[in-house]
Amino acid sequence: MQTVLNAIADPLRRRALHILWGGGEHCVCELMAKLDASQSRMSRHMKTLKDAGLVTDRRDAQWVRYRRNANLAPEIAAVIDAIFAAEASQERTVA
Protein backbone atom coordinates (compact mmCIF):
# COMPACT_ATOMS: atom_id res chain seq x y z
CA MET A 1 0.00 0.00 0.00
CA GLN A 2 2.87 2.39 0.73
CA THR A 3 4.07 2.08 -2.88
CA VAL A 4 0.61 3.08 -4.13
CA LEU A 5 0.44 6.06 -1.79
CA ASN A 6 3.91 7.20 -2.82
CA ALA A 7 2.96 6.84 -6.49
CA ILE A 8 -0.15 9.00 -6.20
CA ALA A 9 1.49 11.60 -3.96
CA ASP A 10 2.94 13.42 -6.96
CA PRO A 11 0.44 15.79 -8.67
CA LEU A 12 1.64 15.01 -12.20
CA ARG A 13 1.36 11.26 -11.63
CA ARG A 14 -2.13 11.76 -10.19
CA ARG A 15 -3.15 13.77 -13.24
CA ALA A 16 -1.76 11.09 -15.59
CA LEU A 17 -3.52 8.37 -13.62
CA HIS A 18 -6.76 10.36 -13.76
CA ILE A 19 -6.54 10.45 -17.55
CA LEU A 20 -6.05 6.68 -17.67
CA TRP A 21 -8.64 6.00 -14.97
CA GLY A 22 -11.47 6.84 -17.34
CA GLY A 23 -10.50 4.02 -19.66
CA GLY A 24 -8.66 3.70 -22.91
CA GLU A 25 -4.98 3.63 -23.65
CA HIS A 26 -2.55 6.49 -23.99
CA CYS A 27 1.04 6.63 -25.09
CA VAL A 28 3.61 8.80 -23.37
CA CYS A 29 3.46 11.33 -26.21
CA GLU A 30 -0.29 11.85 -25.65
CA LEU A 31 0.21 12.24 -21.91
CA MET A 32 3.10 14.65 -22.51
CA ALA A 33 0.86 16.87 -24.65
CA LYS A 34 -2.06 16.80 -22.20
CA LEU A 35 0.10 17.41 -19.13
CA ASP A 36 2.80 19.67 -20.60
CA ALA A 37 5.64 17.41 -19.47
CA SER A 38 8.87 16.29 -21.11
CA GLN A 39 9.23 12.78 -22.50
CA SER A 40 11.81 11.71 -19.93
CA ARG A 41 9.77 13.10 -17.03
CA MET A 42 6.55 11.49 -18.25
CA SER A 43 8.25 8.14 -18.84
CA ARG A 44 9.71 8.19 -15.33
CA HIS A 45 6.32 8.95 -13.81
CA MET A 46 4.63 6.21 -15.81
CA LYS A 47 7.25 3.72 -14.62
CA THR A 48 6.43 4.68 -11.03
CA LEU A 49 2.70 4.14 -11.63
CA LYS A 50 3.42 0.82 -13.32
CA ASP A 51 5.74 -0.34 -10.52
CA ALA A 52 2.97 0.48 -8.04
CA GLY A 53 0.59 -1.75 -10.01
CA LEU A 54 -1.79 1.07 -10.89
CA VAL A 55 -1.27 0.89 -14.65
CA THR A 56 -0.20 -1.69 -17.19
CA ASP A 57 1.48 -1.21 -20.53
CA ARG A 58 1.80 -2.88 -23.87
CA ARG A 59 4.18 -2.36 -26.74
CA ASP A 60 2.59 -1.14 -29.99
CA ALA A 61 5.38 -0.90 -32.59
CA GLN A 62 7.61 1.92 -31.31
CA TRP A 63 5.01 3.14 -28.80
CA VAL A 64 4.28 1.99 -25.28
CA ARG A 65 0.62 2.37 -24.42
CA TYR A 66 -0.54 2.65 -20.83
CA ARG A 67 -3.93 1.86 -19.34
CA ARG A 68 -5.55 1.40 -15.96
CA ASN A 69 -4.69 -1.94 -14.41
CA ALA A 70 -7.88 -3.98 -14.81
CA ASN A 71 -6.69 -6.41 -12.13
CA LEU A 72 -6.22 -3.77 -9.44
CA ALA A 73 -7.60 -4.81 -6.06
CA PRO A 74 -11.06 -3.28 -5.55
CA GLU A 75 -9.94 -1.73 -2.25
CA ILE A 76 -7.09 0.12 -3.97
CA ALA A 77 -9.40 1.23 -6.79
CA ALA A 78 -11.82 2.57 -4.16
CA VAL A 79 -9.02 4.62 -2.57
CA ILE A 80 -8.08 6.09 -5.97
CA ASP A 81 -11.76 6.84 -6.72
CA ALA A 82 -12.09 8.60 -3.37
CA ILE A 83 -9.00 10.72 -4.01
CA PHE A 84 -10.28 11.79 -7.42
CA ALA A 85 -13.70 12.59 -5.96
CA ALA A 86 -12.13 14.65 -3.16
CA GLU A 87 -10.00 16.58 -5.63
CA ALA A 88 -13.02 17.31 -7.84
CA SER A 89 -15.00 18.47 -4.82
CA GLN A 90 -12.17 20.72 -3.71
CA GLU A 91 -11.88 22.23 -7.20
CA ARG A 92 -15.62 22.98 -7.25
CA THR A 93 -15.35 24.65 -3.84
CA VAL A 94 -12.43 26.84 -4.91
CA ALA A 95 -14.02 27.81 -8.25
PDB file of N, CA and C in Angstrom:
ATOM      1  N   MET A   1       0.820  -1.200   0.000  1.00  0.00           N
ATOM      2  CA  MET A   1       0.000   0.000   0.000  1.00  0.00           C
ATOM      3  C   MET A   1       0.861   1.259   0.000  1.00  0.00           C
ATOM      4  N   GLN A   2       2.004   1.210   0.675  1.00  0.00           N
ATOM      5  CA  GLN A   2       2.874   2.386   0.731  1.00  0.00           C
ATOM      6  C   GLN A   2       3.351   2.787  -0.667  1.00  0.00           C
ATOM      7  N   THR A   3       3.628   1.800  -1.512  1.00  0.00           N
ATOM      8  CA  THR A   3       4.070   2.080  -2.883  1.00  0.00           C
ATOM      9  C   THR A   3       2.977   2.811  -3.655  1.00  0.00           C
ATOM     10  N   VAL A   4       1.739   2.411  -3.462  1.00  0.00           N
ATOM     11  CA  VAL A   4       0.611   3.075  -4.125  1.00  0.00           C
ATOM     12  C   VAL A   4       0.486   4.509  -3.640  1.00  0.00           C
ATOM     13  N   LEU A   5       0.565   4.704  -2.333  1.00  0.00           N
ATOM     14  CA  LEU A   5       0.440   6.056  -1.788  1.00  0.00           C
ATOM     15  C   LEU A   5       1.574   6.955  -2.258  1.00  0.00           C
ATOM     16  N   ASN A   6       2.778   6.419  -2.307  1.00  0.00           N
ATOM     17  CA  ASN A   6       3.907   7.200  -2.818  1.00  0.00           C
ATOM     18  C   ASN A   6       3.692   7.555  -4.286  1.00  0.00           C
ATOM     19  N   ALA A   7       3.169   6.611  -5.058  1.00  0.00           N
ATOM     20  CA  ALA A   7       2.959   6.839  -6.488  1.00  0.00           C
ATOM     21  C   ALA A   7       1.939   7.936  -6.735  1.00  0.00           C
ATOM     22  N   ILE A   8       0.893   7.999  -5.952  1.00  0.00           N
ATOM     23  CA  ILE A   8      -0.150   9.005  -6.197  1.00  0.00           C
ATOM     24  C   ILE A   8       0.099  10.309  -5.441  1.00  0.00           C
ATOM     25  N   ALA A   9       1.181  10.373  -4.687  1.00  0.00           N
ATOM     26  CA  ALA A   9       1.489  11.604  -3.956  1.00  0.00           C
ATOM     27  C   ALA A   9       1.896  12.729  -4.894  1.00  0.00           C
ATOM     28  N   ASP A  10       2.476  12.399  -6.019  1.00  0.00           N
ATOM     29  CA  ASP A  10       2.939  13.421  -6.962  1.00  0.00           C
ATOM     30  C   ASP A  10       1.773  13.923  -7.814  1.00  0.00           C
ATOM     31  N   PRO A  11       1.573  15.243  -7.906  1.00  0.00           N
ATOM     32  CA  PRO A  11       0.437  15.786  -8.667  1.00  0.00           C
ATOM     33  C   PRO A  11       0.437  15.395 -10.151  1.00  0.00           C
ATOM     34  N   LEU A  12       1.601  15.376 -10.784  1.00  0.00           N
ATOM     35  CA  LEU A  12       1.643  15.007 -12.201  1.00  0.00           C
ATOM     36  C   LEU A  12       1.266  13.542 -12.399  1.00  0.00           C
ATOM     37  N   ARG A  13       1.738  12.677 -11.528  1.00  0.00           N
ATOM     38  CA  ARG A  13       1.359  11.257 -11.632  1.00  0.00           C
ATOM     39  C   ARG A  13      -0.131  11.091 -11.399  1.00  0.00           C
ATOM     40  N   ARG A  14      -0.682  11.840 -10.446  1.00  0.00           N
ATOM     41  CA  ARG A  14      -2.125  11.758 -10.188  1.00  0.00           C
ATOM     42  C   ARG A  14      -2.910  12.213 -11.416  1.00  0.00           C
ATOM     43  N   ARG A  15      -2.460  13.269 -12.049  1.00  0.00           N
ATOM     44  CA  ARG A  15      -3.150  13.769 -13.243  1.00  0.00           C
ATOM     45  C   ARG A  15      -3.076  12.738 -14.379  1.00  0.00           C
ATOM     46  N   ALA A  16      -1.905  12.127 -14.560  1.00  0.00           N
ATOM     47  CA  ALA A  16      -1.762  11.095 -15.593  1.00  0.00           C
ATOM     48  C   ALA A  16      -2.664   9.907 -15.279  1.00  0.00           C
ATOM     49  N   LEU A  17      -2.675   9.492 -14.028  1.00  0.00           N
ATOM     50  CA  LEU A  17      -3.516   8.372 -13.624  1.00  0.00           C
ATOM     51  C   LEU A  17      -4.988   8.708 -13.838  1.00  0.00           C
ATOM     52  N   HIS A  18      -5.372   9.937 -13.571  1.00  0.00           N
ATOM     53  CA  HIS A  18      -6.761  10.356 -13.757  1.00  0.00           C
ATOM     54  C   HIS A  18      -7.171  10.232 -15.231  1.00  0.00           C
ATOM     55  N   ILE A  19      -6.259  10.586 -16.125  1.00  0.00           N
ATOM     56  CA  ILE A  19      -6.542  10.447 -17.554  1.00  0.00           C
ATOM     57  C   ILE A  19      -6.768   8.980 -17.896  1.00  0.00           C
ATOM     58  N   LEU A  20      -5.933   8.111 -17.376  1.00  0.00           N
ATOM     59  CA  LEU A  20      -6.048   6.675 -17.670  1.00  0.00           C
ATOM     60  C   LEU A  20      -7.216   6.028 -16.944  1.00  0.00           C
ATOM     61  N   TRP A  21      -7.605   6.589 -15.815  1.00  0.00           N
ATOM     62  CA  TRP A  21      -8.643   5.997 -14.971  1.00  0.00           C
ATOM     63  C   TRP A  21      -9.970   5.908 -15.702  1.00  0.00           C
ATOM     64  N   GLY A  22     -10.211   6.842 -16.614  1.00  0.00           N
ATOM     65  CA  GLY A  22     -11.473   6.844 -17.342  1.00  0.00           C
ATOM     66  C   GLY A  22     -11.575   5.783 -18.416  1.00  0.00           C
ATOM     67  N   GLY A  23     -10.495   5.073 -18.652  1.00  0.00           N
ATOM     68  CA  GLY A  23     -10.498   4.019 -19.662  1.00  0.00           C
ATOM     69  C   GLY A  23      -9.677   4.411 -20.879  1.00  0.00           C
ATOM     70  N   GLY A  24      -9.446   3.459 -21.714  1.00  0.00           N
ATOM     71  CA  GLY A  24      -8.662   3.696 -22.912  1.00  0.00           C
ATOM     72  C   GLY A  24      -7.169   3.598 -22.643  1.00  0.00           C
ATOM     73  N   GLU A  25      -6.428   3.699 -23.722  1.00  0.00           N
ATOM     74  CA  GLU A  25      -4.977   3.626 -23.649  1.00  0.00           C
ATOM     75  C   GLU A  25      -4.386   4.938 -24.138  1.00  0.00           C
ATOM     76  N   HIS A  26      -3.250   5.275 -23.578  1.00  0.00           N
ATOM     77  CA  HIS A  26      -2.552   6.492 -23.986  1.00  0.00           C
ATOM     78  C   HIS A  26      -1.063   6.213 -24.019  1.00  0.00           C
ATOM     79  N   CYS A  27      -0.412   6.741 -25.036  1.00  0.00           N
ATOM     80  CA  CYS A  27       1.039   6.628 -25.092  1.00  0.00           C
ATOM     81  C   CYS A  27       1.645   7.821 -24.355  1.00  0.00           C
ATOM     82  N   VAL A  28       2.924   7.731 -24.085  1.00  0.00           N
ATOM     83  CA  VAL A  28       3.610   8.802 -23.366  1.00  0.00           C
ATOM     84  C   VAL A  28       3.470  10.124 -24.113  1.00  0.00           C
ATOM     85  N   CYS A  29       3.544  10.075 -25.449  1.00  0.00           N
ATOM     86  CA  CYS A  29       3.457  11.325 -26.213  1.00  0.00           C
ATOM     87  C   CYS A  29       2.106  12.016 -26.006  1.00  0.00           C
ATOM     88  N   GLU A  30       1.033  11.252 -25.903  1.00  0.00           N
ATOM     89  CA  GLU A  30      -0.286  11.845 -25.646  1.00  0.00           C
ATOM     90  C   GLU A  30      -0.342  12.453 -24.247  1.00  0.00           C
ATOM     91  N   LEU A  31       0.189  11.728 -23.278  1.00  0.00           N
ATOM     92  CA  LEU A  31       0.208  12.240 -21.908  1.00  0.00           C
ATOM     93  C   LEU A  31       1.079  13.480 -21.798  1.00  0.00           C
ATOM     94  N   MET A  32       2.214  13.488 -22.504  1.00  0.00           N
ATOM     95  CA  MET A  32       3.098  14.655 -22.515  1.00  0.00           C
ATOM     96  C   MET A  32       2.335  15.894 -22.983  1.00  0.00           C
ATOM     97  N   ALA A  33       1.600  15.738 -24.081  1.00  0.00           N
ATOM     98  CA  ALA A  33       0.858  16.867 -24.647  1.00  0.00           C
ATOM     99  C   ALA A  33      -0.231  17.353 -23.700  1.00  0.00           C
ATOM    100  N   LYS A  34      -0.955  16.420 -23.099  1.00  0.00           N
ATOM    101  CA  LYS A  34      -2.058  16.795 -22.203  1.00  0.00           C
ATOM    102  C   LYS A  34      -1.565  17.412 -20.899  1.00  0.00           C
ATOM    103  N   LEU A  35      -0.378  16.994 -20.444  1.00  0.00           N
ATOM    104  CA  LEU A  35       0.103  17.412 -19.127  1.00  0.00           C
ATOM    105  C   LEU A  35       1.290  18.367 -19.201  1.00  0.00           C
ATOM    106  N   ASP A  36       1.687  18.735 -20.404  1.00  0.00           N
ATOM    107  CA  ASP A  36       2.802  19.666 -20.603  1.00  0.00           C
ATOM    108  C   ASP A  36       4.048  19.211 -19.844  1.00  0.00           C
ATOM    109  N   ALA A  37       4.475  17.994 -20.135  1.00  0.00           N
ATOM    110  CA  ALA A  37       5.644  17.407 -19.470  1.00  0.00           C
ATOM    111  C   ALA A  37       6.601  16.878 -20.531  1.00  0.00           C
ATOM    112  N   SER A  38       7.870  16.827 -20.191  1.00  0.00           N
ATOM    113  CA  SER A  38       8.871  16.293 -21.112  1.00  0.00           C
ATOM    114  C   SER A  38       8.730  14.777 -21.213  1.00  0.00           C
ATOM    115  N   GLN A  39       9.306  14.223 -22.276  1.00  0.00           N
ATOM    116  CA  GLN A  39       9.231  12.783 -22.499  1.00  0.00           C
ATOM    117  C   GLN A  39       9.905  12.019 -21.368  1.00  0.00           C
ATOM    118  N   SER A  40      11.086  12.441 -20.977  1.00  0.00           N
ATOM    119  CA  SER A  40      11.805  11.709 -19.929  1.00  0.00           C
ATOM    120  C   SER A  40      11.060  11.784 -18.595  1.00  0.00           C
ATOM    121  N   ARG A  41      10.523  12.945 -18.286  1.00  0.00           N
ATOM    122  CA  ARG A  41       9.770  13.101 -17.026  1.00  0.00           C
ATOM    123  C   ARG A  41       8.512  12.230 -17.035  1.00  0.00           C
ATOM    124  N   MET A  42       7.785  12.263 -18.164  1.00  0.00           N
ATOM    125  CA  MET A  42       6.547  11.491 -18.249  1.00  0.00           C
ATOM    126  C   MET A  42       6.845  10.001 -18.193  1.00  0.00           C
ATOM    127  N   SER A  43       7.889   9.554 -18.871  1.00  0.00           N
ATOM    128  CA  SER A  43       8.251   8.136 -18.840  1.00  0.00           C
ATOM    129  C   SER A  43       8.610   7.690 -17.432  1.00  0.00           C
ATOM    130  N   ARG A  44       9.345   8.513 -16.722  1.00  0.00           N
ATOM    131  CA  ARG A  44       9.715   8.189 -15.334  1.00  0.00           C
ATOM    132  C   ARG A  44       8.473   8.063 -14.457  1.00  0.00           C
ATOM    133  N   HIS A  45       7.551   8.994 -14.617  1.00  0.00           N
ATOM    134  CA  HIS A  45       6.325   8.954 -13.815  1.00  0.00           C
ATOM    135  C   HIS A  45       5.474   7.729 -14.151  1.00  0.00           C
ATOM    136  N   MET A  46       5.418   7.372 -15.427  1.00  0.00           N
ATOM    137  CA  MET A  46       4.628   6.206 -15.808  1.00  0.00           C
ATOM    138  C   MET A  46       5.253   4.931 -15.269  1.00  0.00           C
ATOM    139  N   LYS A  47       6.571   4.881 -15.214  1.00  0.00           N
ATOM    140  CA  LYS A  47       7.247   3.721 -14.620  1.00  0.00           C
ATOM    141  C   LYS A  47       6.873   3.594 -13.146  1.00  0.00           C
ATOM    142  N   THR A  48       6.823   4.706 -12.444  1.00  0.00           N
ATOM    143  CA  THR A  48       6.434   4.681 -11.027  1.00  0.00           C
ATOM    144  C   THR A  48       5.015   4.152 -10.864  1.00  0.00           C
ATOM    145  N   LEU A  49       4.091   4.619 -11.702  1.00  0.00           N
ATOM    146  CA  LEU A  49       2.704   4.140 -11.627  1.00  0.00           C
ATOM    147  C   LEU A  49       2.615   2.656 -11.971  1.00  0.00           C
ATOM    148  N   LYS A  50       3.405   2.231 -12.946  1.00  0.00           N
ATOM    149  CA  LYS A  50       3.418   0.816 -13.317  1.00  0.00           C
ATOM    150  C   LYS A  50       4.002  -0.034 -12.190  1.00  0.00           C
ATOM    151  N   ASP A  51       5.117   0.404 -11.619  1.00  0.00           N
ATOM    152  CA  ASP A  51       5.743  -0.339 -10.522  1.00  0.00           C
ATOM    153  C   ASP A  51       4.816  -0.461  -9.316  1.00  0.00           C
ATOM    154  N   ALA A  52       3.933   0.523  -9.136  1.00  0.00           N
ATOM    155  CA  ALA A  52       2.970   0.482  -8.038  1.00  0.00           C
ATOM    156  C   ALA A  52       1.768  -0.399  -8.371  1.00  0.00           C
ATOM    157  N   GLY A  53       1.698  -0.875  -9.607  1.00  0.00           N
ATOM    158  CA  GLY A  53       0.594  -1.750 -10.005  1.00  0.00           C
ATOM    159  C   GLY A  53      -0.666  -1.022 -10.408  1.00  0.00           C
ATOM    160  N   LEU A  54      -0.592   0.295 -10.565  1.00  0.00           N
ATOM    161  CA  LEU A  54      -1.788   1.069 -10.890  1.00  0.00           C
ATOM    162  C   LEU A  54      -2.105   1.065 -12.384  1.00  0.00           C
ATOM    163  N   VAL A  55      -1.075   0.928 -13.210  1.00  0.00           N
ATOM    164  CA  VAL A  55      -1.269   0.888 -14.653  1.00  0.00           C
ATOM    165  C   VAL A  55      -0.513  -0.296 -15.236  1.00  0.00           C
ATOM    166  N   THR A  56      -0.911  -0.677 -16.427  1.00  0.00           N
ATOM    167  CA  THR A  56      -0.195  -1.691 -17.188  1.00  0.00           C
ATOM    168  C   THR A  56       0.175  -1.072 -18.526  1.00  0.00           C
ATOM    169  N   ASP A  57       1.080  -1.723 -19.228  1.00  0.00           N
ATOM    170  CA  ASP A  57       1.476  -1.209 -20.527  1.00  0.00           C
ATOM    171  C   ASP A  57       1.557  -2.331 -21.544  1.00  0.00           C
ATOM    172  N   ARG A  58       1.581  -1.927 -22.786  1.00  0.00           N
ATOM    173  CA  ARG A  58       1.798  -2.881 -23.867  1.00  0.00           C
ATOM    174  C   ARG A  58       2.539  -2.155 -24.979  1.00  0.00           C
ATOM    175  N   ARG A  59       3.400  -2.904 -25.632  1.00  0.00           N
ATOM    176  CA  ARG A  59       4.179  -2.360 -26.739  1.00  0.00           C
ATOM    177  C   ARG A  59       3.324  -2.388 -27.992  1.00  0.00           C
ATOM    178  N   ASP A  60       3.319  -1.269 -28.724  1.00  0.00           N
ATOM    179  CA  ASP A  60       2.594  -1.140 -29.987  1.00  0.00           C
ATOM    180  C   ASP A  60       3.562  -0.501 -30.978  1.00  0.00           C
ATOM    181  N   ALA A  61       4.298  -1.354 -31.704  1.00  0.00           N
ATOM    182  CA  ALA A  61       5.384  -0.902 -32.590  1.00  0.00           C
ATOM    183  C   ALA A  61       6.397  -0.127 -31.759  1.00  0.00           C
ATOM    184  N   GLN A  62       6.633   1.151 -32.077  1.00  0.00           N
ATOM    185  CA  GLN A  62       7.607   1.924 -31.307  1.00  0.00           C
ATOM    186  C   GLN A  62       6.992   2.603 -30.087  1.00  0.00           C
ATOM    187  N   TRP A  63       5.700   2.485 -29.907  1.00  0.00           N
ATOM    188  CA  TRP A  63       5.011   3.143 -28.803  1.00  0.00           C
ATOM    189  C   TRP A  63       4.790   2.174 -27.646  1.00  0.00           C
ATOM    190  N   VAL A  64       4.726   2.736 -26.453  1.00  0.00           N
ATOM    191  CA  VAL A  64       4.281   1.985 -25.283  1.00  0.00           C
ATOM    192  C   VAL A  64       2.981   2.636 -24.850  1.00  0.00           C
ATOM    193  N   ARG A  65       1.941   1.848 -24.788  1.00  0.00           N
ATOM    194  CA  ARG A  65       0.616   2.372 -24.423  1.00  0.00           C
ATOM    195  C   ARG A  65       0.277   1.936 -23.001  1.00  0.00           C
ATOM    196  N   TYR A  66      -0.198   2.892 -22.231  1.00  0.00           N
ATOM    197  CA  TYR A  66      -0.543   2.650 -20.832  1.00  0.00           C
ATOM    198  C   TYR A  66      -2.046   2.675 -20.656  1.00  0.00           C
ATOM    199  N   ARG A  67      -2.508   1.888 -19.683  1.00  0.00           N
ATOM    200  CA  ARG A  67      -3.934   1.863 -19.344  1.00  0.00           C
ATOM    201  C   ARG A  67      -4.078   1.510 -17.860  1.00  0.00           C
ATOM    202  N   ARG A  68      -5.248   1.761 -17.352  1.00  0.00           N
ATOM    203  CA  ARG A  68      -5.554   1.402 -15.963  1.00  0.00           C
ATOM    204  C   ARG A  68      -5.408  -0.103 -15.794  1.00  0.00           C
ATOM    205  N   ASN A  69      -4.849  -0.517 -14.687  1.00  0.00           N
ATOM    206  CA  ASN A  69      -4.694  -1.943 -14.406  1.00  0.00           C
ATOM    207  C   ASN A  69      -6.072  -2.534 -14.095  1.00  0.00           C
ATOM    208  N   ALA A  70      -6.552  -3.374 -14.985  1.00  0.00           N
ATOM    209  CA  ALA A  70      -7.879  -3.981 -14.814  1.00  0.00           C
ATOM    210  C   ALA A  70      -7.916  -4.968 -13.646  1.00  0.00           C
ATOM    211  N   ASN A  71      -6.753  -5.436 -13.216  1.00  0.00           N
ATOM    212  CA  ASN A  71      -6.686  -6.407 -12.125  1.00  0.00           C
ATOM    213  C   ASN A  71      -6.354  -5.775 -10.777  1.00  0.00           C
ATOM    214  N   LEU A  72      -6.501  -4.478 -10.697  1.00  0.00           N
ATOM    215  CA  LEU A  72      -6.221  -3.774  -9.445  1.00  0.00           C
ATOM    216  C   LEU A  72      -7.216  -4.204  -8.365  1.00  0.00           C
ATOM    217  N   ALA A  73      -6.715  -4.412  -7.172  1.00  0.00           N
ATOM    218  CA  ALA A  73      -7.599  -4.807  -6.064  1.00  0.00           C
ATOM    219  C   ALA A  73      -8.706  -3.763  -5.889  1.00  0.00           C
ATOM    220  N   PRO A  74      -9.939  -4.212  -5.688  1.00  0.00           N
ATOM    221  CA  PRO A  74     -11.061  -3.279  -5.547  1.00  0.00           C
ATOM    222  C   PRO A  74     -10.850  -2.258  -4.434  1.00  0.00           C
ATOM    223  N   GLU A  75     -10.182  -2.657  -3.366  1.00  0.00           N
ATOM    224  CA  GLU A  75      -9.943  -1.727  -2.247  1.00  0.00           C
ATOM    225  C   GLU A  75      -9.018  -0.586  -2.675  1.00  0.00           C
ATOM    226  N   ILE A  76      -8.009  -0.907  -3.486  1.00  0.00           N
ATOM    227  CA  ILE A  76      -7.090   0.123  -3.971  1.00  0.00           C
ATOM    228  C   ILE A  76      -7.819   1.032  -4.955  1.00  0.00           C
ATOM    229  N   ALA A  77      -8.617   0.436  -5.833  1.00  0.00           N
ATOM    230  CA  ALA A  77      -9.397   1.230  -6.791  1.00  0.00           C
ATOM    231  C   ALA A  77     -10.340   2.180  -6.048  1.00  0.00           C
ATOM    232  N   ALA A  78     -10.915   1.726  -4.953  1.00  0.00           N
ATOM    233  CA  ALA A  78     -11.820   2.575  -4.160  1.00  0.00           C
ATOM    234  C   ALA A  78     -11.069   3.762  -3.557  1.00  0.00           C
ATOM    235  N   VAL A  79      -9.836   3.527  -3.116  1.00  0.00           N
ATOM    236  CA  VAL A  79      -9.017   4.624  -2.574  1.00  0.00           C
ATOM    237  C   VAL A  79      -8.749   5.654  -3.666  1.00  0.00           C
ATOM    238  N   ILE A  80      -8.361   5.186  -4.850  1.00  0.00           N
ATOM    239  CA  ILE A  80      -8.084   6.091  -5.970  1.00  0.00           C
ATOM    240  C   ILE A  80      -9.353   6.864  -6.350  1.00  0.00           C
ATOM    241  N   ASP A  81     -10.487   6.171  -6.426  1.00  0.00           N
ATOM    242  CA  ASP A  81     -11.760   6.838  -6.725  1.00  0.00           C
ATOM    243  C   ASP A  81     -12.052   7.930  -5.703  1.00  0.00           C
ATOM    244  N   ALA A  82     -11.825   7.632  -4.437  1.00  0.00           N
ATOM    245  CA  ALA A  82     -12.090   8.601  -3.371  1.00  0.00           C
ATOM    246  C   ALA A  82     -11.178   9.822  -3.496  1.00  0.00           C
ATOM    247  N   ILE A  83      -9.936   9.600  -3.843  1.00  0.00           N
ATOM    248  CA  ILE A  83      -9.001  10.717  -4.009  1.00  0.00           C
ATOM    249  C   ILE A  83      -9.450  11.604  -5.164  1.00  0.00           C
ATOM    250  N   PHE A  84      -9.823  10.993  -6.284  1.00  0.00           N
ATOM    251  CA  PHE A  84     -10.276  11.789  -7.420  1.00  0.00           C
ATOM    252  C   PHE A  84     -11.564  12.543  -7.093  1.00  0.00           C
ATOM    253  N   ALA A  85     -12.461  11.926  -6.358  1.00  0.00           N
ATOM    254  CA  ALA A  85     -13.705  12.594  -5.963  1.00  0.00           C
ATOM    255  C   ALA A  85     -13.414  13.765  -5.025  1.00  0.00           C
ATOM    256  N   ALA A  86     -12.489  13.572  -4.090  1.00  0.00           N
ATOM    257  CA  ALA A  86     -12.133  14.650  -3.158  1.00  0.00           C
ATOM    258  C   ALA A  86     -11.491  15.814  -3.902  1.00  0.00           C
ATOM    259  N   GLU A  87     -10.637  15.511  -4.858  1.00  0.00           N
ATOM    260  CA  GLU A  87      -9.998  16.578  -5.631  1.00  0.00           C
ATOM    261  C   GLU A  87     -11.025  17.349  -6.448  1.00  0.00           C
ATOM    262  N   ALA A  88     -11.977  16.643  -7.057  1.00  0.00           N
ATOM    263  CA  ALA A  88     -13.020  17.307  -7.835  1.00  0.00           C
ATOM    264  C   ALA A  88     -13.885  18.186  -6.945  1.00  0.00           C
ATOM    265  N   SER A  89     -14.200  17.691  -5.762  1.00  0.00           N
ATOM    266  CA  SER A  89     -15.001  18.466  -4.816  1.00  0.00           C
ATOM    267  C   SER A  89     -14.261  19.728  -4.375  1.00  0.00           C
ATOM    268  N   GLN A  90     -12.992  19.584  -4.129  1.00  0.00           N
ATOM    269  CA  GLN A  90     -12.168  20.725  -3.711  1.00  0.00           C
ATOM    270  C   GLN A  90     -12.082  21.761  -4.827  1.00  0.00           C
ATOM    271  N   GLU A  91     -11.939  21.309  -6.076  1.00  0.00           N
ATOM    272  CA  GLU A  91     -11.875  22.226  -7.203  1.00  0.00           C
ATOM    273  C   GLU A  91     -13.190  22.990  -7.363  1.00  0.00           C
ATOM    274  N   ARG A  92     -14.308  22.314  -7.141  1.00  0.00           N
ATOM    275  CA  ARG A  92     -15.621  22.985  -7.246  1.00  0.00           C
ATOM    276  C   ARG A  92     -15.768  24.028  -6.138  1.00  0.00           C
ATOM    277  N   THR A  93     -15.250  23.720  -4.957  1.00  0.00           N
ATOM    278  CA  THR A  93     -15.346  24.651  -3.836  1.00  0.00           C
ATOM    279  C   THR A  93     -14.506  25.906  -4.078  1.00  0.00           C
ATOM    280  N   VAL A  94     -13.331  25.720  -4.651  1.00  0.00           N
ATOM    281  CA  VAL A  94     -12.431  26.841  -4.911  1.00  0.00           C
ATOM    282  C   VAL A  94     -12.938  27.695  -6.056  1.00  0.00           C
ATOM    283  N   ALA A  95     -13.559  27.079  -7.055  1.00  0.00           N
ATOM    284  CA  ALA A  95     -14.018  27.808  -8.251  1.00  0.00           C
ATOM    285  C   ALA A  95     -15.266  28.569  -8.012  1.00  0.00           C
TER     286      ALA A  95
END
